[in-house]
Amino acid sequence: MGINELIEEQTKIKRPILTPEEQEIIEKKIIDSYTSESEILLTYFEDGRLLTCYMTVVNMNSLKRSITCTDPYHNKIKINFKDIIHIQ
């Protein structure tokens, strides 16, 4: 393991835990983005990091509790509801 990998491992964080109220607000904003096809600023947890990006929700899968989004460059990304930390 090199120095860069060691530093990367040491800077990882645990997934933040949201209250039920925060989860409800996030779910409403996801539905709003999906139905209006509007862009949102989404913060999500991935591999020990919080990532933030402007995205548009293009699909919702309530059985798998996930969404599919596109970023401004039209790249698709699938995110689990449990990994979404904040939406503006």
PDB file of N, CA and C in Angstrom:
ATOM      1  N   MET A   1       0.851  -1.172   0.000  1.00  0.00           N
ATOM      2  CA  MET A   1       0.000   0.000   0.000  1.00  0.00           C
ATOM      3  C   MET A   1       0.900   1.239   0.000  1.00  0.00           C
ATOM      4  N   GLY A   2       0.681   2.117  -0.965  1.00  0.00           N
ATOM      5  CA  GLY A   2       1.464   3.338  -1.068  1.00  0.00           C
ATOM      6  C   GLY A   2       0.953   4.420  -0.141  1.00  0.00           C
ATOM      7  N   ILE A   3       1.688   5.517  -0.094  1.00  0.00           N
ATOM      8  CA  ILE A   3       1.338   6.633   0.787  1.00  0.00           C
ATOM      9  C   ILE A   3      -0.012   7.239   0.402  1.00  0.00           C
ATOM     10  N   ASN A   4      -0.289   7.339  -0.914  1.00  0.00           N
ATOM     11  CA  ASN A   4      -1.572   7.910  -1.346  1.00  0.00           C
ATOM     12  C   ASN A   4      -2.749   7.054  -0.891  1.00  0.00           C
ATOM     13  N   GLU A   5      -2.608   5.738  -1.006  1.00  0.00           N
ATOM     14  CA  GLU A   5      -3.674   4.844  -0.570  1.00  0.00           C
ATOM     15  C   GLU A   5      -3.864   4.915   0.941  1.00  0.00           C
ATOM     16  N   LEU A   6      -2.773   5.043   1.670  1.00  0.00           N
ATOM     17  CA  LEU A   6      -2.838   5.143   3.122  1.00  0.00           C
ATOM     18  C   LEU A   6      -3.568   6.417   3.548  1.00  0.00           C
ATOM     19  N   ILE A   7      -3.229   7.525   2.921  1.00  0.00           N
ATOM     20  CA  ILE A   7      -3.893   8.801   3.219  1.00  0.00           C
ATOM     21  C   ILE A   7      -5.369   8.714   2.860  1.00  0.00           C
ATOM     22  N   GLU A   8      -5.665   8.112   1.713  1.00  0.00           N
ATOM     23  CA  GLU A   8      -7.050   7.965   1.278  1.00  0.00           C
ATOM     24  C   GLU A   8      -7.860   7.153   2.287  1.00  0.00           C
ATOM     25  N   GLU A   9      -7.308   6.075   2.785  1.00  0.00           N
ATOM     26  CA  GLU A   9      -7.995   5.242   3.773  1.00  0.00           C
ATOM     27  C   GLU A   9      -8.218   5.992   5.087  1.00  0.00           C
ATOM     28  N   GLN A  10      -7.267   6.822   5.484  1.00  0.00           N
ATOM     29  CA  GLN A  10      -7.372   7.542   6.752  1.00  0.00           C
ATOM     30  C   GLN A  10      -8.383   8.683   6.702  1.00  0.00           C
ATOM     31  N   THR A  11      -8.697   9.175   5.510  1.00  0.00           N
ATOM     32  CA  THR A  11      -9.628  10.299   5.398  1.00  0.00           C
ATOM     33  C   THR A  11     -11.072   9.856   5.189  1.00  0.00           C
ATOM     34  N   LYS A  12     -11.312   8.560   5.103  1.00  0.00           N
ATOM     35  CA  LYS A  12     -12.677   8.074   4.921  1.00  0.00           C
ATOM     36  C   LYS A  12     -13.501   8.320   6.184  1.00  0.00           C
ATOM     37  N   ILE A  13     -14.804   8.542   5.962  1.00  0.00           N
ATOM     38  CA  ILE A  13     -15.725   8.780   7.065  1.00  0.00           C
ATOM     39  C   ILE A  13     -16.803   7.695   7.076  1.00  0.00           C
ATOM     40  N   LYS A  14     -17.556   7.631   8.170  1.00  0.00           N
ATOM     41  CA  LYS A  14     -18.698   6.722   8.254  1.00  0.00           C
ATOM     42  C   LYS A  14     -19.914   7.399   7.641  1.00  0.00           C
ATOM     43  N   ARG A  15     -20.846   6.577   7.147  1.00  0.00           N
ATOM     44  CA  ARG A  15     -22.074   7.113   6.563  1.00  0.00           C
ATOM     45  C   ARG A  15     -22.854   7.864   7.645  1.00  0.00           C
ATOM     46  N   PRO A  16     -23.219   9.124   7.386  1.00  0.00           N
ATOM     47  CA  PRO A  16     -24.031   9.874   8.354  1.00  0.00           C
ATOM     48  C   PRO A  16     -25.407   9.222   8.527  1.00  0.00           C
ATOM     49  N   ILE A  17     -25.942   9.311   9.724  1.00  0.00           N
ATOM     50  CA  ILE A  17     -27.263   8.760  10.016  1.00  0.00           C
ATOM     51  C   ILE A  17     -28.265   9.910  10.023  1.00  0.00           C
ATOM     52  N   LEU A  18     -29.330   9.755   9.232  1.00  0.00           N
ATOM     53  CA  LEU A  18     -30.348  10.790   9.124  1.00  0.00           C
ATOM     54  C   LEU A  18     -31.546  10.451  10.002  1.00  0.00           C
ATOM     55  N   THR A  19     -32.229  11.487  10.456  1.00  0.00           N
ATOM     56  CA  THR A  19     -33.465  11.290  11.211  1.00  0.00           C
ATOM     57  C   THR A  19     -34.581  10.929  10.227  1.00  0.00           C
ATOM     58  N   PRO A  20     -35.670  10.347  10.718  1.00  0.00           N
ATOM     59  CA  PRO A  20     -36.802  10.063   9.826  1.00  0.00           C
ATOM     60  C   PRO A  20     -37.340  11.322   9.142  1.00  0.00           C
ATOM     61  N   GLU A  21     -37.308  12.452   9.829  1.00  0.00           N
ATOM     62  CA  GLU A  21     -37.774  13.709   9.242  1.00  0.00           C
ATOM     63  C   GLU A  21     -36.875  14.130   8.080  1.00  0.00           C
ATOM     64  N   GLU A  22     -35.568  14.004   8.263  1.00  0.00           N
ATOM     65  CA  GLU A  22     -34.628  14.345   7.192  1.00  0.00           C
ATOM     66  C   GLU A  22     -34.827  13.422   5.991  1.00  0.00           C
ATOM     67  N   GLN A  23     -35.055  12.145   6.251  1.00  0.00           N
ATOM     68  CA  GLN A  23     -35.293  11.189   5.168  1.00  0.00           C
ATOM     69  C   GLN A  23     -36.565  11.535   4.407  1.00  0.00           C
ATOM     70  N   GLU A  24     -37.598  11.938   5.114  1.00  0.00           N
ATOM     71  CA  GLU A  24     -38.861  12.309   4.477  1.00  0.00           C
ATOM     72  C   GLU A  24     -38.689  13.535   3.587  1.00  0.00           C
ATOM     73  N   ILE A  25     -37.960  14.524   4.060  1.00  0.00           N
ATOM     74  CA  ILE A  25     -37.701  15.728   3.266  1.00  0.00           C
ATOM     75  C   ILE A  25     -36.939  15.366   1.997  1.00  0.00           C
ATOM     76  N   ILE A  26     -35.933  14.523   2.124  1.00  0.00           N
ATOM     77  CA  ILE A  26     -35.143  14.099   0.971  1.00  0.00           C
ATOM     78  C   ILE A  26     -36.023  13.362  -0.032  1.00  0.00           C
ATOM     79  N   GLU A  27     -36.870  12.457   0.442  1.00  0.00           N
ATOM     80  CA  GLU A  27     -37.741  11.703  -0.459  1.00  0.00           C
ATOM     81  C   GLU A  27     -38.695  12.621  -1.210  1.00  0.00           C
ATOM     82  N   LYS A  28     -39.239  13.638  -0.542  1.00  0.00           N
ATOM     83  CA  LYS A  28     -40.126  14.597  -1.208  1.00  0.00           C
ATOM     84  C   LYS A  28     -39.377  15.369  -2.287  1.00  0.00           C
ATOM     85  N   LYS A  29     -38.143  15.768  -2.002  1.00  0.00           N
ATOM     86  CA  LYS A  29     -37.354  16.510  -2.989  1.00  0.00           C
ATOM     87  C   LYS A  29     -36.989  15.628  -4.179  1.00  0.00           C
ATOM     88  N   ILE A  30     -36.761  14.345  -3.930  1.00  0.00           N
ATOM     89  CA  ILE A  30     -36.485  13.406  -5.022  1.00  0.00           C
ATOM     90  C   ILE A  30     -37.704  13.305  -5.932  1.00  0.00           C
ATOM     91  N   ILE A  31     -38.874  13.149  -5.333  1.00  0.00           N
ATOM     92  CA  ILE A  31     -40.108  13.049  -6.118  1.00  0.00           C
ATOM     93  C   ILE A  31     -40.341  14.330  -6.906  1.00  0.00           C
ATOM     94  N   ASP A  32     -40.116  15.487  -6.284  1.00  0.00           N
ATOM     95  CA  ASP A  32     -40.271  16.765  -6.977  1.00  0.00           C
ATOM     96  C   ASP A  32     -39.332  16.864  -8.175  1.00  0.00           C
ATOM     97  N   SER A  33     -38.080  16.478  -7.987  1.00  0.00           N
ATOM     98  CA  SER A  33     -37.115  16.528  -9.085  1.00  0.00           C
ATOM     99  C   SER A  33     -37.527  15.589 -10.208  1.00  0.00           C
ATOM    100  N   TYR A  34     -37.990  14.415  -9.843  1.00  0.00           N
ATOM    101  CA  TYR A  34     -38.391  13.421 -10.844  1.00  0.00           C
ATOM    102  C   TYR A  34     -39.605  13.895 -11.641  1.00  0.00           C
ATOM    103  N   THR A  35     -40.627  14.386 -10.954  1.00  0.00           N
ATOM    104  CA  THR A  35     -41.857  14.781 -11.650  1.00  0.00           C
ATOM    105  C   THR A  35     -41.690  16.064 -12.467  1.00  0.00           C
ATOM    106  N   SER A  36     -40.851  16.962 -12.006  1.00  0.00           N
ATOM    107  CA  SER A  36     -40.660  18.229 -12.727  1.00  0.00           C
ATOM    108  C   SER A  36     -39.441  18.217 -13.644  1.00  0.00           C
ATOM    109  N   GLU A  37     -38.682  17.124 -13.600  1.00  0.00           N
ATOM    110  CA  GLU A  37     -37.440  17.000 -14.380  1.00  0.00           C
ATOM    111  C   GLU A  37     -36.492  18.165 -14.095  1.00  0.00           C
ATOM    112  N   SER A  38     -36.457  18.587 -12.844  1.00  0.00           N
ATOM    113  CA  SER A  38     -35.607  19.715 -12.462  1.00  0.00           C
ATOM    114  C   SER A  38     -34.314  19.232 -11.819  1.00  0.00           C
ATOM    115  N   GLU A  39     -33.310  20.063 -11.944  1.00  0.00           N
ATOM    116  CA  GLU A  39     -31.988  19.744 -11.409  1.00  0.00           C
ATOM    117  C   GLU A  39     -31.940  20.030  -9.907  1.00  0.00           C
ATOM    118  N   ILE A  40     -31.242  19.167  -9.179  1.00  0.00           N
ATOM    119  CA  ILE A  40     -31.060  19.344  -7.740  1.00  0.00           C
ATOM    120  C   ILE A  40     -29.573  19.234  -7.417  1.00  0.00           C
ATOM    121  N   LEU A  41     -29.192  19.816  -6.303  1.00  0.00           N
ATOM    122  CA  LEU A  41     -27.828  19.653  -5.802  1.00  0.00           C
ATOM    123  C   LEU A  41     -27.881  18.534  -4.773  1.00  0.00           C
ATOM    124  N   LEU A  42     -27.293  17.398  -5.117  1.00  0.00           N
ATOM    125  CA  LEU A  42     -27.424  16.177  -4.332  1.00  0.00           C
ATOM    126  C   LEU A  42     -26.099  15.825  -3.680  1.00  0.00           C
ATOM    127  N   THR A  43     -26.130  15.571  -2.379  1.00  0.00           N
ATOM    128  CA  THR A  43     -24.955  15.100  -1.650  1.00  0.00           C
ATOM    129  C   THR A  43     -25.213  13.657  -1.251  1.00  0.00           C
ATOM    130  N   TYR A  44     -24.277  12.780  -1.606  1.00  0.00           N
ATOM    131  CA  TYR A  44     -24.451  11.360  -1.303  1.00  0.00           C
ATOM    132  C   TYR A  44     -23.144  10.757  -0.810  1.00  0.00           C
ATOM    133  N   PHE A  45     -23.285   9.634  -0.125  1.00  0.00           N
ATOM    134  CA  PHE A  45     -22.164   8.927   0.476  1.00  0.00           C
ATOM    135  C   PHE A  45     -21.713   7.824  -0.468  1.00  0.00           C
ATOM    136  N   GLU A  46     -20.400   7.781  -0.718  1.00  0.00           N
ATOM    137  CA  GLU A  46     -19.841   6.716  -1.553  1.00  0.00           C
ATOM    138  C   GLU A  46     -18.419   6.418  -1.106  1.00  0.00           C
ATOM    139  N   ASP A  47     -18.182   5.184  -0.741  1.00  0.00           N
ATOM    140  CA  ASP A  47     -16.838   4.704  -0.413  1.00  0.00           C
ATOM    141  C   ASP A  47     -16.109   5.585   0.610  1.00  0.00           C
ATOM    142  N   GLY A  48     -16.818   5.955   1.673  1.00  0.00           N
ATOM    143  CA  GLY A  48     -16.188   6.715   2.740  1.00  0.00           C
ATOM    144  C   GLY A  48     -16.073   8.206   2.499  1.00  0.00           C
ATOM    145  N   ARG A  49     -16.760   8.698   1.478  1.00  0.00           N
ATOM    146  CA  ARG A  49     -16.689  10.123   1.150  1.00  0.00           C
ATOM    147  C   ARG A  49     -18.085  10.680   0.881  1.00  0.00           C
ATOM    148  N   LEU A  50     -18.243  11.981   1.092  1.00  0.00           N
ATOM    149  CA  LEU A  50     -19.459  12.673   0.704  1.00  0.00           C
ATOM    150  C   LEU A  50     -19.188  13.381  -0.609  1.00  0.00           C
ATOM    151  N   LEU A  51     -19.994  13.073  -1.608  1.00  0.00           N
ATOM    152  CA  LEU A  51     -19.852  13.672  -2.931  1.00  0.00           C
ATOM    153  C   LEU A  51     -21.065  14.544  -3.200  1.00  0.00           C
ATOM    154  N   THR A  52     -20.852  15.690  -3.845  1.00  0.00           N
ATOM    155  CA  THR A  52     -21.935  16.611  -4.161  1.00  0.00           C
ATOM    156  C   THR A  52     -21.889  16.946  -5.639  1.00  0.00           C
ATOM    157  N   CYS A  53     -23.065  16.881  -6.279  1.00  0.00           N
ATOM    158  CA  CYS A  53     -23.130  17.129  -7.716  1.00  0.00           C
ATOM    159  C   CYS A  53     -24.541  17.581  -8.087  1.00  0.00           C
ATOM    160  N   TYR A  54     -24.640  18.426  -9.119  1.00  0.00           N
ATOM    161  CA  TYR A  54     -25.946  18.765  -9.671  1.00  0.00           C
ATOM    162  C   TYR A  54     -26.422  17.590 -10.498  1.00  0.00           C
ATOM    163  N   MET A  55     -27.666  17.153 -10.250  1.00  0.00           N
ATOM    164  CA  MET A  55     -28.209  15.993 -10.950  1.00  0.00           C
ATOM    165  C   MET A  55     -29.700  16.172 -11.180  1.00  0.00           C
ATOM    166  N   THR A  56     -30.204  15.387 -12.130  1.00  0.00           N
ATOM    167  CA  THR A  56     -31.634  15.310 -12.394  1.00  0.00           C
ATOM    168  C   THR A  56     -32.064  13.866 -12.210  1.00  0.00           C
ATOM    169  N   VAL A  57     -33.107  13.652 -11.435  1.00  0.00           N
ATOM    170  CA  VAL A  57     -33.608  12.293 -11.205  1.00  0.00           C
ATOM    171  C   VAL A  57     -34.381  11.857 -12.451  1.00  0.00           C
ATOM    172  N   VAL A  58     -33.961  10.739 -13.064  1.00  0.00           N
ATOM    173  CA  VAL A  58     -34.613  10.251 -14.279  1.00  0.00           C
ATOM    174  C   VAL A  58     -35.376   8.946 -14.057  1.00  0.00           C
ATOM    175  N   ASN A  59     -35.135   8.289 -12.928  1.00  0.00           N
ATOM    176  CA  ASN A  59     -35.854   7.053 -12.631  1.00  0.00           C
ATOM    177  C   ASN A  59     -35.841   6.812 -11.124  1.00  0.00           C
ATOM    178  N   MET A  60     -36.935   6.250 -10.628  1.00  0.00           N
ATOM    179  CA  MET A  60     -37.030   5.890  -9.220  1.00  0.00           C
ATOM    180  C   MET A  60     -37.437   4.423  -9.135  1.00  0.00           C
ATOM    181  N   ASN A  61     -36.776   3.664  -8.282  1.00  0.00           N
ATOM    182  CA  ASN A  61     -37.113   2.265  -8.069  1.00  0.00           C
ATOM    183  C   ASN A  61     -37.422   2.084  -6.587  1.00  0.00           C
ATOM    184  N   SER A  62     -38.701   2.095  -6.256  1.00  0.00           N
ATOM    185  CA  SER A  62     -39.080   2.020  -4.841  1.00  0.00           C
ATOM    186  C   SER A  62     -38.829   0.637  -4.248  1.00  0.00           C
ATOM    187  N   LEU A  63     -38.837  -0.407  -5.072  1.00  0.00           N
ATOM    188  CA  LEU A  63     -38.548  -1.748  -4.553  1.00  0.00           C
ATOM    189  C   LEU A  63     -37.094  -1.878  -4.125  1.00  0.00           C
ATOM    190  N   LYS A  64     -36.189  -1.362  -4.945  1.00  0.00           N
ATOM    191  CA  LYS A  64     -34.762  -1.416  -4.615  1.00  0.00           C
ATOM    192  C   LYS A  64     -34.324  -0.211  -3.798  1.00  0.00           C
ATOM    193  N   ARG A  65     -35.260   0.732  -3.583  1.00  0.00           N
ATOM    194  CA  ARG A  65     -34.980   1.970  -2.850  1.00  0.00           C
ATOM    195  C   ARG A  65     -33.759   2.689  -3.420  1.00  0.00           C
ATOM    196  N   SER A  66     -33.838   2.931  -4.737  1.00  0.00           N
ATOM    197  CA  SER A  66     -32.739   3.614  -5.413  1.00  0.00           C
ATOM    198  C   SER A  66     -33.298   4.570  -6.459  1.00  0.00           C
ATOM    199  N   ILE A  67     -32.439   5.484  -6.879  1.00  0.00           N
ATOM    200  CA  ILE A  67     -32.784   6.403  -7.961  1.00  0.00           C
ATOM    201  C   ILE A  67     -31.678   6.355  -9.004  1.00  0.00           C
ATOM    202  N   THR A  68     -32.048   6.713 -10.216  1.00  0.00           N
ATOM    203  CA  THR A  68     -31.072   6.886 -11.280  1.00  0.00           C
ATOM    204  C   THR A  68     -31.093   8.361 -11.647  1.00  0.00           C
ATOM    205  N   CYS A  69     -29.915   8.966 -11.712  1.00  0.00           N
ATOM    206  CA  CYS A  69     -29.785  10.392 -12.003  1.00  0.00           C
ATOM    207  C   CYS A  69     -28.864  10.589 -13.198  1.00  0.00           C
ATOM    208  N   THR A  70     -28.982  11.754 -13.808  1.00  0.00           N
ATOM    209  CA  THR A  70     -28.001  12.161 -14.807  1.00  0.00           C
ATOM    210  C   THR A  70     -27.347  13.441 -14.319  1.00  0.00           C
ATOM    211  N   ASP A  71     -26.052  13.541 -14.556  1.00  0.00           N
ATOM    212  CA  ASP A  71     -25.333  14.755 -14.185  1.00  0.00           C
ATOM    213  C   ASP A  71     -25.362  15.721 -15.372  1.00  0.00           C
ATOM    214  N   PRO A  72     -24.790  16.919 -15.238  1.00  0.00           N
ATOM    215  CA  PRO A  72     -24.815  17.888 -16.339  1.00  0.00           C
ATOM    216  C   PRO A  72     -24.152  17.390 -17.630  1.00  0.00           C
ATOM    217  N   TYR A  73     -23.326  16.360 -17.527  1.00  0.00           N
ATOM    218  CA  TYR A  73     -22.647  15.805 -18.704  1.00  0.00           C
ATOM    219  C   TYR A  73     -23.380  14.584 -19.246  1.00  0.00           C
ATOM    220  N   HIS A  74     -24.592  14.342 -18.736  1.00  0.00           N
ATOM    221  CA  HIS A  74     -25.468  13.235 -19.146  1.00  0.00           C
ATOM    222  C   HIS A  74     -24.919  11.864 -18.779  1.00  0.00           C
ATOM    223  N   ASN A  75     -24.059  11.802 -17.771  1.00  0.00           N
ATOM    224  CA  ASN A  75     -23.615  10.515 -17.230  1.00  0.00           C
ATOM    225  C   ASN A  75     -24.685  10.030 -16.265  1.00  0.00           C
ATOM    226  N   LYS A  76     -25.016   8.741 -16.347  1.00  0.00           N
ATOM    227  CA  LYS A  76     -26.019   8.175 -15.436  1.00  0.00           C
ATOM    228  C   LYS A  76     -25.334   7.596 -14.211  1.00  0.00           C
ATOM    229  N   ILE A  77     -25.974   7.782 -13.072  1.00  0.00           N
ATOM    230  CA  ILE A  77     -25.471   7.221 -11.822  1.00  0.00           C
ATOM    231  C   ILE A  77     -26.664   6.696 -11.023  1.00  0.00           C
ATOM    232  N   LYS A  78     -26.484   5.526 -10.432  1.00  0.00           N
ATOM    233  CA  LYS A  78     -27.520   4.922  -9.597  1.00  0.00           C
ATOM    234  C   LYS A  78     -27.110   5.116  -8.137  1.00  0.00           C
ATOM    235  N   ILE A  79     -28.041   5.626  -7.331  1.00  0.00           N
ATOM    236  CA  ILE A  79     -27.753   5.923  -5.929  1.00  0.00           C
ATOM    237  C   ILE A  79     -28.844   5.303  -5.061  1.00  0.00           C
ATOM    238  N   ASN A  80     -28.434   4.609  -4.020  1.00  0.00           N
ATOM    239  CA  ASN A  80     -29.393   4.067  -3.053  1.00  0.00           C
ATOM    240  C   ASN A  80     -29.909   5.192  -2.168  1.00  0.00           C
ATOM    241  N   PHE A  81     -31.188   5.116  -1.792  1.00  0.00           N
ATOM    242  CA  PHE A  81     -31.773   6.130  -0.913  1.00  0.00           C
ATOM    243  C   PHE A  81     -30.949   6.303   0.354  1.00  0.00           C
ATOM    244  N   LYS A  82     -30.459   5.202   0.910  1.00  0.00           N
ATOM    245  CA  LYS A  82     -29.726   5.273   2.180  1.00  0.00           C
ATOM    246  C   LYS A  82     -28.426   6.062   2.056  1.00  0.00           C
ATOM    247  N   ASP A  83     -27.920   6.234   0.825  1.00  0.00           N
ATOM    248  CA  ASP A  83     -26.670   6.963   0.617  1.00  0.00           C
ATOM    249  C   ASP A  83     -26.878   8.456   0.388  1.00  0.00           C
ATOM    250  N   ILE A  84     -28.124   8.885   0.199  1.00  0.00           N
ATOM    251  CA  ILE A  84     -28.400  10.304  -0.035  1.00  0.00           C
ATOM    252  C   ILE A  84     -28.411  11.020   1.311  1.00  0.00           C
ATOM    253  N   ILE A  85     -27.580  12.033   1.413  1.00  0.00           N
ATOM    254  CA  ILE A  85     -27.395  12.745   2.676  1.00  0.00           C
ATOM    255  C   ILE A  85     -28.118  14.089   2.695  1.00  0.00           C
ATOM    256  N   HIS A  86     -28.147  14.774   1.551  1.00  0.00           N
ATOM    257  CA  HIS A  86     -28.741  16.110   1.510  1.00  0.00           C
ATOM    258  C   HIS A  86     -29.123  16.456   0.074  1.00  0.00           C
ATOM    259  N   ILE A  87     -30.199  17.241  -0.053  1.00  0.00           N
ATOM    260  CA  ILE A  87     -30.627  17.735  -1.365  1.00  0.00           C
ATOM    261  C   ILE A  87     -30.987  19.203  -1.221  1.00  0.00           C
ATOM    262  N   GLN A  88     -30.542  19.998  -2.197  1.00  0.00           N
ATOM    263  CA  GLN A  88     -30.938  21.413  -2.260  1.00  0.00           C
ATOM    264  C   GLN A  88     -31.639  21.652  -3.566  1.00  0.00           C
TER     265      GLN A  88
END
